[in-house]
N, C-alpha and C. Protein backbone atom coordinates (compact mmCIF):
# COMPACT_ATOMS: atom_id res chain seq x y z
N MET A 1 54.27 71.30 111.84
CA MET A 1 53.70 72.33 111.00
C MET A 1 54.48 72.37 109.70
N SER A 2 53.79 72.44 108.59
CA SER A 2 54.44 72.43 107.29
C SER A 2 54.74 73.87 106.86
N TYR A 3 55.92 74.06 106.33
CA TYR A 3 56.32 75.37 105.84
C TYR A 3 57.37 75.14 104.77
N PRO A 4 57.56 76.11 103.87
CA PRO A 4 58.58 75.92 102.84
C PRO A 4 59.97 76.06 103.44
N ASN A 5 60.87 75.17 103.04
CA ASN A 5 62.25 75.27 103.52
C ASN A 5 62.97 76.43 102.86
N LEU A 6 62.67 76.68 101.58
CA LEU A 6 63.37 77.71 100.83
C LEU A 6 62.41 78.86 100.52
N ILE A 7 62.91 80.07 100.70
CA ILE A 7 62.14 81.26 100.33
C ILE A 7 63.02 82.16 99.47
N ASP A 8 62.39 83.04 98.72
CA ASP A 8 63.10 84.10 98.02
C ASP A 8 63.08 85.28 98.99
N PRO A 9 64.20 85.60 99.65
CA PRO A 9 64.17 86.61 100.70
C PRO A 9 63.77 88.00 100.21
N GLU A 10 64.10 88.33 98.96
CA GLU A 10 63.75 89.64 98.43
C GLU A 10 62.23 89.78 98.30
N VAL A 11 61.59 88.79 97.72
CA VAL A 11 60.13 88.80 97.57
C VAL A 11 59.46 88.72 98.93
N PHE A 12 59.98 87.84 99.79
CA PHE A 12 59.41 87.64 101.12
C PHE A 12 59.38 88.95 101.90
N ALA A 13 60.52 89.67 101.89
CA ALA A 13 60.62 90.94 102.64
C ALA A 13 59.81 92.04 101.96
N ALA A 14 59.91 92.15 100.64
CA ALA A 14 59.22 93.22 99.92
C ALA A 14 57.70 93.12 100.08
N GLU A 15 57.18 91.90 100.15
CA GLU A 15 55.74 91.70 100.29
C GLU A 15 55.30 91.63 101.75
N GLY A 16 56.24 91.75 102.68
CA GLY A 16 55.90 91.70 104.10
C GLY A 16 55.31 90.37 104.52
N GLN A 17 55.81 89.30 103.92
CA GLN A 17 55.28 87.97 104.22
C GLN A 17 55.63 87.54 105.63
N ASN A 18 54.88 86.56 106.12
CA ASN A 18 55.06 86.03 107.48
C ASN A 18 55.09 84.51 107.38
N LEU A 19 55.95 83.89 108.16
CA LEU A 19 56.08 82.44 108.17
C LEU A 19 56.29 81.98 109.60
N GLN A 20 55.56 80.94 109.98
CA GLN A 20 55.73 80.35 111.31
C GLN A 20 55.93 78.86 111.15
N GLY A 21 56.68 78.29 112.08
CA GLY A 21 56.89 76.85 112.03
C GLY A 21 57.50 76.35 113.32
N SER A 22 57.60 75.04 113.41
CA SER A 22 58.25 74.43 114.58
C SER A 22 58.78 73.07 114.18
N PHE A 23 59.76 72.61 114.92
CA PHE A 23 60.33 71.29 114.70
C PHE A 23 61.07 70.87 115.95
N LEU A 24 61.41 69.60 116.02
CA LEU A 24 62.17 69.08 117.16
C LEU A 24 63.65 69.37 116.94
N LEU A 25 64.36 69.54 118.02
CA LEU A 25 65.79 69.80 117.96
C LEU A 25 66.51 68.70 117.20
N GLU A 26 66.10 67.45 117.39
CA GLU A 26 66.77 66.33 116.73
C GLU A 26 66.57 66.34 115.21
N GLU A 27 65.60 67.09 114.72
CA GLU A 27 65.34 67.18 113.28
C GLU A 27 66.26 68.18 112.58
N LEU A 28 66.99 68.95 113.36
CA LEU A 28 67.86 69.97 112.79
C LEU A 28 69.15 69.35 112.28
N ASP A 29 69.92 70.16 111.58
CA ASP A 29 71.20 69.73 111.06
C ASP A 29 72.09 69.23 112.19
N GLU A 30 73.01 68.37 111.84
CA GLU A 30 73.89 67.75 112.84
C GLU A 30 74.67 68.77 113.66
N ARG A 31 75.02 69.90 113.08
CA ARG A 31 75.79 70.90 113.83
C ARG A 31 75.00 71.45 115.02
N VAL A 32 73.66 71.32 114.99
CA VAL A 32 72.82 71.73 116.12
C VAL A 32 72.41 70.53 116.93
N SER A 33 71.89 69.51 116.27
CA SER A 33 71.34 68.35 116.99
C SER A 33 72.41 67.56 117.73
N SER A 34 73.66 67.59 117.25
CA SER A 34 74.71 66.83 117.92
C SER A 34 75.47 67.68 118.94
N HIS A 35 75.06 68.92 119.10
CA HIS A 35 75.70 69.81 120.07
C HIS A 35 75.62 69.18 121.45
N ASP A 36 76.65 69.31 122.25
CA ASP A 36 76.73 68.64 123.55
C ASP A 36 75.80 69.22 124.60
N TYR A 37 75.43 70.48 124.50
CA TYR A 37 74.74 71.13 125.61
C TYR A 37 73.27 70.79 125.77
N PRO A 38 72.47 70.72 124.69
CA PRO A 38 71.04 70.43 124.94
C PRO A 38 70.85 69.08 125.61
N ALA A 39 70.09 69.07 126.70
CA ALA A 39 69.87 67.84 127.46
C ALA A 39 68.77 67.00 126.86
N ASP A 40 67.87 67.61 126.08
CA ASP A 40 66.73 66.89 125.54
C ASP A 40 66.60 67.19 124.05
N LYS A 41 66.91 66.21 123.23
CA LYS A 41 66.85 66.39 121.77
C LYS A 41 65.40 66.44 121.27
N GLN A 42 64.43 66.13 122.15
CA GLN A 42 63.01 66.18 121.79
C GLN A 42 62.42 67.57 122.00
N THR A 43 63.25 68.54 122.36
CA THR A 43 62.79 69.91 122.57
C THR A 43 62.17 70.46 121.29
N CYS A 44 61.02 71.09 121.44
CA CYS A 44 60.33 71.70 120.30
C CYS A 44 60.81 73.15 120.15
N VAL A 45 61.29 73.47 118.96
CA VAL A 45 61.76 74.82 118.64
C VAL A 45 60.73 75.45 117.72
N SER A 46 60.25 76.64 118.08
CA SER A 46 59.30 77.33 117.20
C SER A 46 59.93 78.63 116.71
N PHE A 47 59.51 79.06 115.54
CA PHE A 47 60.06 80.29 114.98
C PHE A 47 58.98 81.07 114.25
N THR A 48 59.25 82.36 114.13
CA THR A 48 58.43 83.26 113.32
C THR A 48 59.38 84.08 112.47
N LEU A 49 59.09 84.17 111.19
CA LEU A 49 59.89 84.97 110.27
C LEU A 49 58.96 85.98 109.61
N GLN A 50 59.31 87.26 109.73
CA GLN A 50 58.48 88.34 109.19
C GLN A 50 59.36 89.21 108.29
N GLY A 51 58.89 89.49 107.09
CA GLY A 51 59.61 90.37 106.18
C GLY A 51 59.08 91.78 106.24
N GLY A 52 59.88 92.73 105.77
CA GLY A 52 59.43 94.12 105.74
C GLY A 52 60.52 95.06 105.26
N ARG A 53 60.24 96.36 105.42
CA ARG A 53 61.20 97.42 105.09
C ARG A 53 61.40 98.29 106.32
N ASP A 54 62.65 98.71 106.55
CA ASP A 54 62.93 99.58 107.69
C ASP A 54 62.73 101.05 107.28
N ARG A 55 63.04 101.96 108.19
CA ARG A 55 62.81 103.39 107.94
C ARG A 55 63.68 103.93 106.79
N LEU A 56 64.76 103.20 106.47
CA LEU A 56 65.62 103.59 105.35
C LEU A 56 65.22 102.86 104.06
N GLN A 57 64.07 102.19 104.11
CA GLN A 57 63.53 101.43 102.98
C GLN A 57 64.40 100.23 102.59
N ARG A 58 65.19 99.75 103.55
CA ARG A 58 65.98 98.53 103.30
C ARG A 58 65.12 97.32 103.64
N LEU A 59 65.24 96.28 102.85
CA LEU A 59 64.52 95.04 103.12
C LEU A 59 65.11 94.36 104.34
N PHE A 60 64.24 93.74 105.15
CA PHE A 60 64.74 93.03 106.32
C PHE A 60 63.91 91.79 106.59
N LEU A 61 64.48 90.91 107.40
CA LEU A 61 63.78 89.73 107.92
C LEU A 61 63.88 89.80 109.44
N ASP A 62 62.74 89.75 110.12
CA ASP A 62 62.73 89.65 111.58
C ASP A 62 62.53 88.18 111.92
N LEU A 63 63.47 87.62 112.66
CA LEU A 63 63.40 86.21 113.04
C LEU A 63 63.30 86.11 114.55
N ASN A 64 62.30 85.36 115.01
CA ASN A 64 62.16 85.06 116.44
C ASN A 64 62.19 83.55 116.60
N VAL A 65 63.04 83.08 117.51
CA VAL A 65 63.17 81.65 117.78
C VAL A 65 62.91 81.44 119.26
N LYS A 66 62.02 80.47 119.57
CA LYS A 66 61.67 80.18 120.96
C LYS A 66 61.79 78.68 121.23
N ALA A 67 62.28 78.36 122.43
CA ALA A 67 62.33 76.97 122.88
C ALA A 67 62.59 76.95 124.37
N ASP A 68 61.97 76.02 125.04
CA ASP A 68 62.28 75.75 126.44
C ASP A 68 63.26 74.59 126.39
N MET A 69 64.54 74.92 126.39
CA MET A 69 65.59 73.98 126.05
C MET A 69 66.49 73.69 127.25
N PRO A 70 66.30 72.56 127.93
CA PRO A 70 67.21 72.26 129.03
C PRO A 70 68.62 72.00 128.49
N LEU A 71 69.60 72.60 129.14
CA LEU A 71 71.00 72.43 128.74
C LEU A 71 71.74 71.65 129.81
N ILE A 72 72.90 71.13 129.46
CA ILE A 72 73.75 70.43 130.42
C ILE A 72 74.69 71.44 131.06
N CYS A 73 74.61 71.57 132.37
CA CYS A 73 75.52 72.45 133.11
C CYS A 73 76.93 71.90 132.97
N GLN A 74 77.86 72.76 132.62
CA GLN A 74 79.24 72.33 132.41
C GLN A 74 80.03 72.23 133.71
N ARG A 75 79.41 72.60 134.80
CA ARG A 75 80.06 72.49 136.10
C ARG A 75 79.66 71.19 136.79
N CYS A 76 78.36 70.91 136.86
CA CYS A 76 77.90 69.73 137.61
C CYS A 76 77.35 68.63 136.70
N ILE A 77 77.31 68.88 135.40
CA ILE A 77 76.87 67.90 134.39
C ILE A 77 75.44 67.40 134.64
N THR A 78 74.57 68.27 135.07
CA THR A 78 73.15 67.93 135.23
C THR A 78 72.33 68.91 134.39
N PRO A 79 71.11 68.53 134.01
CA PRO A 79 70.28 69.44 133.21
C PRO A 79 69.94 70.72 133.98
N MET A 80 69.87 71.80 133.24
CA MET A 80 69.46 73.08 133.81
C MET A 80 68.50 73.75 132.83
N PRO A 81 67.53 74.49 133.34
CA PRO A 81 66.57 75.13 132.43
C PRO A 81 67.22 76.27 131.64
N PHE A 82 66.82 76.39 130.40
CA PHE A 82 67.28 77.49 129.56
C PHE A 82 66.14 77.87 128.62
N LEU A 83 65.67 79.09 128.75
CA LEU A 83 64.58 79.56 127.90
C LEU A 83 65.18 80.35 126.75
N LEU A 84 65.06 79.83 125.57
CA LEU A 84 65.55 80.49 124.37
C LEU A 84 64.40 81.33 123.80
N ASP A 85 64.62 82.63 123.71
CA ASP A 85 63.64 83.54 123.13
C ASP A 85 64.43 84.68 122.50
N GLU A 86 64.89 84.46 121.29
CA GLU A 86 65.78 85.41 120.62
C GLU A 86 65.10 86.00 119.39
N THR A 87 65.23 87.30 119.25
CA THR A 87 64.72 87.99 118.08
C THR A 87 65.86 88.76 117.43
N SER A 88 65.96 88.65 116.13
CA SER A 88 66.98 89.42 115.43
C SER A 88 66.40 89.98 114.14
N ARG A 89 66.89 91.14 113.77
CA ARG A 89 66.52 91.77 112.50
C ARG A 89 67.72 91.64 111.58
N ILE A 90 67.49 91.00 110.46
CA ILE A 90 68.55 90.79 109.47
C ILE A 90 68.23 91.67 108.26
N VAL A 91 69.08 92.66 108.03
CA VAL A 91 68.88 93.58 106.91
C VAL A 91 69.53 92.97 105.67
N LEU A 92 68.82 93.02 104.56
CA LEU A 92 69.27 92.40 103.31
C LEU A 92 69.91 93.44 102.40
N PHE A 93 71.06 93.08 101.82
CA PHE A 93 71.79 93.99 100.95
C PHE A 93 72.07 93.33 99.61
N ALA A 94 72.01 94.13 98.54
CA ALA A 94 72.21 93.61 97.19
C ALA A 94 73.68 93.35 96.88
N ASP A 95 74.59 94.10 97.51
CA ASP A 95 76.01 93.91 97.21
C ASP A 95 76.85 94.06 98.47
N GLU A 96 78.07 93.54 98.39
CA GLU A 96 78.97 93.55 99.55
C GLU A 96 79.36 94.95 99.98
N GLU A 97 79.51 95.85 99.02
CA GLU A 97 79.91 97.22 99.33
C GLU A 97 78.87 97.89 100.23
N SER A 98 77.60 97.75 99.88
CA SER A 98 76.52 98.33 100.69
C SER A 98 76.48 97.69 102.08
N LEU A 99 76.66 96.39 102.11
CA LEU A 99 76.67 95.67 103.39
C LEU A 99 77.81 96.16 104.27
N ASP A 100 79.01 96.25 103.70
CA ASP A 100 80.18 96.71 104.48
C ASP A 100 79.98 98.13 105.00
N GLU A 101 79.49 99.03 104.16
CA GLU A 101 79.25 100.42 104.58
C GLU A 101 78.26 100.48 105.74
N ALA A 102 77.17 99.74 105.61
CA ALA A 102 76.13 99.76 106.64
C ALA A 102 76.65 99.18 107.95
N MET A 103 77.45 98.12 107.86
CA MET A 103 77.96 97.50 109.08
C MET A 103 79.03 98.37 109.74
N LEU A 104 79.77 99.14 108.96
CA LEU A 104 80.73 100.08 109.55
C LEU A 104 79.99 101.22 110.24
N ALA A 105 78.89 101.65 109.67
CA ALA A 105 78.11 102.75 110.25
C ALA A 105 77.34 102.32 111.50
N ASP A 106 76.99 101.04 111.58
CA ASP A 106 76.19 100.55 112.70
C ASP A 106 76.73 99.18 113.13
N GLU A 107 77.48 99.18 114.22
CA GLU A 107 78.11 97.94 114.70
C GLU A 107 77.10 96.89 115.14
N GLU A 108 75.91 97.31 115.52
CA GLU A 108 74.87 96.40 116.00
C GLU A 108 74.09 95.73 114.86
N LEU A 109 74.27 96.22 113.65
CA LEU A 109 73.51 95.74 112.51
C LEU A 109 73.84 94.29 112.18
N GLU A 110 72.79 93.51 111.97
CA GLU A 110 72.95 92.16 111.43
C GLU A 110 72.52 92.23 109.98
N GLY A 111 73.43 91.95 109.08
CA GLY A 111 73.11 92.04 107.66
C GLY A 111 73.58 90.83 106.91
N MET A 112 72.99 90.62 105.76
CA MET A 112 73.43 89.53 104.88
C MET A 112 73.14 89.92 103.44
N LEU A 113 73.88 89.29 102.54
CA LEU A 113 73.68 89.53 101.13
C LEU A 113 72.42 88.82 100.65
N LEU A 114 71.72 89.47 99.74
CA LEU A 114 70.54 88.86 99.13
C LEU A 114 70.95 87.65 98.32
N GLU A 115 70.19 86.60 98.47
CA GLU A 115 70.38 85.39 97.69
C GLU A 115 69.06 85.10 97.01
N LYS A 116 69.08 84.31 95.95
CA LYS A 116 67.84 83.94 95.27
C LYS A 116 67.00 83.03 96.16
N GLU A 117 67.67 82.16 96.91
CA GLU A 117 66.97 81.24 97.81
C GLU A 117 67.62 81.29 99.18
N LEU A 118 66.81 81.26 100.19
CA LEU A 118 67.30 81.25 101.57
C LEU A 118 66.64 80.07 102.28
N ASP A 119 67.46 79.24 102.88
CA ASP A 119 66.95 78.09 103.63
C ASP A 119 66.56 78.56 105.02
N VAL A 120 65.26 78.54 105.30
CA VAL A 120 64.74 79.03 106.57
C VAL A 120 65.28 78.21 107.73
N ARG A 121 65.34 76.90 107.55
CA ARG A 121 65.82 76.03 108.62
C ARG A 121 67.26 76.38 108.99
N THR A 122 68.11 76.64 108.01
CA THR A 122 69.50 77.02 108.28
C THR A 122 69.56 78.34 109.03
N LEU A 123 68.69 79.27 108.67
CA LEU A 123 68.63 80.56 109.37
C LEU A 123 68.27 80.35 110.84
N VAL A 124 67.30 79.49 111.10
CA VAL A 124 66.88 79.19 112.48
C VAL A 124 68.00 78.47 113.22
N GLU A 125 68.66 77.53 112.56
CA GLU A 125 69.78 76.81 113.19
C GLU A 125 70.88 77.78 113.60
N ASP A 126 71.21 78.72 112.71
CA ASP A 126 72.24 79.71 113.03
C ASP A 126 71.84 80.52 114.26
N GLN A 127 70.57 80.91 114.33
CA GLN A 127 70.10 81.70 115.47
C GLN A 127 70.21 80.90 116.76
N ILE A 128 69.88 79.62 116.71
CA ILE A 128 69.99 78.78 117.91
C ILE A 128 71.44 78.71 118.36
N LEU A 129 72.35 78.43 117.42
CA LEU A 129 73.76 78.30 117.78
C LEU A 129 74.33 79.60 118.36
N MET A 130 73.92 80.74 117.81
CA MET A 130 74.42 82.02 118.32
C MET A 130 73.82 82.36 119.68
N SER A 131 72.68 81.76 120.01
CA SER A 131 71.99 82.08 121.25
C SER A 131 72.40 81.20 122.42
N LEU A 132 73.00 80.05 122.13
CA LEU A 132 73.40 79.16 123.22
C LEU A 132 74.55 79.77 124.00
N PRO A 133 74.53 79.66 125.31
CA PRO A 133 75.67 80.15 126.09
C PRO A 133 76.92 79.34 125.77
N PHE A 134 78.06 79.99 125.84
CA PHE A 134 79.33 79.33 125.54
C PHE A 134 79.58 78.16 126.47
N SER A 135 79.32 78.37 127.75
CA SER A 135 79.51 77.32 128.75
C SER A 135 78.37 77.43 129.76
N PRO A 136 77.26 76.73 129.50
CA PRO A 136 76.11 76.86 130.40
C PRO A 136 76.42 76.36 131.80
N ARG A 137 76.02 77.14 132.81
CA ARG A 137 76.27 76.77 134.21
C ARG A 137 75.13 77.26 135.08
N HIS A 138 74.81 76.46 136.08
CA HIS A 138 73.85 76.90 137.10
C HIS A 138 74.45 78.08 137.85
N GLU A 139 73.60 78.92 138.40
CA GLU A 139 74.09 79.99 139.29
C GLU A 139 74.78 79.36 140.49
N ASP A 140 74.14 78.35 141.05
CA ASP A 140 74.70 77.63 142.20
C ASP A 140 74.45 76.15 141.95
N CYS A 141 75.49 75.42 141.70
CA CYS A 141 75.33 74.00 141.36
C CYS A 141 75.03 73.15 142.58
N GLY A 142 75.24 73.68 143.76
CA GLY A 142 75.02 72.84 144.94
C GLY A 142 75.92 71.63 144.86
N ASN A 143 77.23 71.89 144.77
CA ASN A 143 78.18 70.80 144.56
C ASN A 143 78.29 69.85 145.74
N ASN A 144 77.42 70.03 146.73
CA ASN A 144 77.35 69.12 147.88
C ASN A 144 78.69 68.95 148.60
N GLY A 145 79.52 69.95 148.53
CA GLY A 145 80.76 69.92 149.28
C GLY A 145 81.83 69.03 148.68
N THR A 146 81.61 68.48 147.51
CA THR A 146 82.60 67.56 146.95
C THR A 146 83.93 68.24 146.69
N LEU A 147 83.91 69.47 146.20
CA LEU A 147 85.16 70.18 145.99
C LEU A 147 85.84 70.50 147.31
N ASP A 148 85.04 70.92 148.30
CA ASP A 148 85.61 71.22 149.60
C ASP A 148 86.24 69.98 150.21
N GLU A 149 85.57 68.83 150.05
CA GLU A 149 86.11 67.59 150.61
C GLU A 149 87.43 67.23 149.94
N VAL A 150 87.50 67.37 148.63
CA VAL A 150 88.74 67.06 147.90
C VAL A 150 89.84 67.99 148.36
N ASN A 151 89.55 69.28 148.46
CA ASN A 151 90.56 70.24 148.89
C ASN A 151 90.99 70.01 150.33
N ARG A 152 90.06 69.59 151.17
CA ARG A 152 90.37 69.34 152.57
C ARG A 152 91.29 68.14 152.73
N ASP A 153 91.10 67.12 151.88
CA ASP A 153 91.89 65.90 151.97
C ASP A 153 93.29 66.07 151.41
N LYS A 154 93.51 67.05 150.56
CA LYS A 154 94.83 67.27 149.98
C LYS A 154 95.72 68.03 150.96
N PRO A 155 96.96 67.61 151.07
CA PRO A 155 97.87 68.39 151.91
C PRO A 155 98.24 69.70 151.21
N ASN A 156 98.49 70.71 152.00
CA ASN A 156 98.90 72.00 151.46
C ASN A 156 100.23 71.79 150.73
N PRO A 157 100.34 72.18 149.45
CA PRO A 157 101.58 71.95 148.71
C PRO A 157 102.78 72.66 149.33
N PHE A 158 102.55 73.80 149.97
CA PHE A 158 103.66 74.51 150.60
C PHE A 158 104.14 73.79 151.85
N ALA A 159 103.21 73.14 152.54
CA ALA A 159 103.61 72.34 153.70
C ALA A 159 104.46 71.15 153.26
N VAL A 160 104.10 70.56 152.14
CA VAL A 160 104.89 69.44 151.60
C VAL A 160 106.29 69.93 151.24
N LEU A 161 106.38 71.10 150.60
CA LEU A 161 107.69 71.65 150.24
C LEU A 161 108.52 71.98 151.48
N ALA A 162 107.87 72.52 152.50
CA ALA A 162 108.58 72.83 153.74
C ALA A 162 109.13 71.55 154.36
N GLY A 163 108.37 70.47 154.29
CA GLY A 163 108.83 69.19 154.81
C GLY A 163 110.03 68.68 154.04
N LEU A 164 110.05 68.86 152.74
CA LEU A 164 111.18 68.43 151.92
C LEU A 164 112.43 69.26 152.23
N LYS A 165 112.22 70.55 152.46
CA LYS A 165 113.34 71.46 152.72
C LYS A 165 114.02 71.12 154.05
N SER A 166 113.23 70.74 155.05
CA SER A 166 113.81 70.46 156.36
C SER A 166 114.46 69.08 156.42
N SER A 167 114.22 68.20 155.43
CA SER A 167 114.84 66.88 155.49
C SER A 167 116.22 66.85 154.92
């Protein structure tokens, strides 16, 4: 799907514009596409970006990113399902002072300074990176007893020490 990479966030939000798009994970910047966790670089990522004003008349961008993205389990090193469906509201501020005040008043607020141009793809990439689990793991890896077998074959370290003490 074709969409503009760069938008003017102030105009986009003030006019309540809407933008939708999708791309493959491998088409993203290297900081996302080379990430170790995604098991399939052919995963299709879709997004929706909606501009508007909140109840305080502040400009905002609502970003939703979706993907059925298999990740590599860090325990058993096999693919595991991961459904990415993240929505965030990014409030736009004209100056740092306003941004700092708003973020102090509301710890949950996601805000950014207004720029003349905003790269939509970079915004989506940031959302993906913030949404990935730090260390993806299955609930139950079904390690097939391999850890138990290793632990069973090892002698108890205290028994080894006791043997050394008695010699």
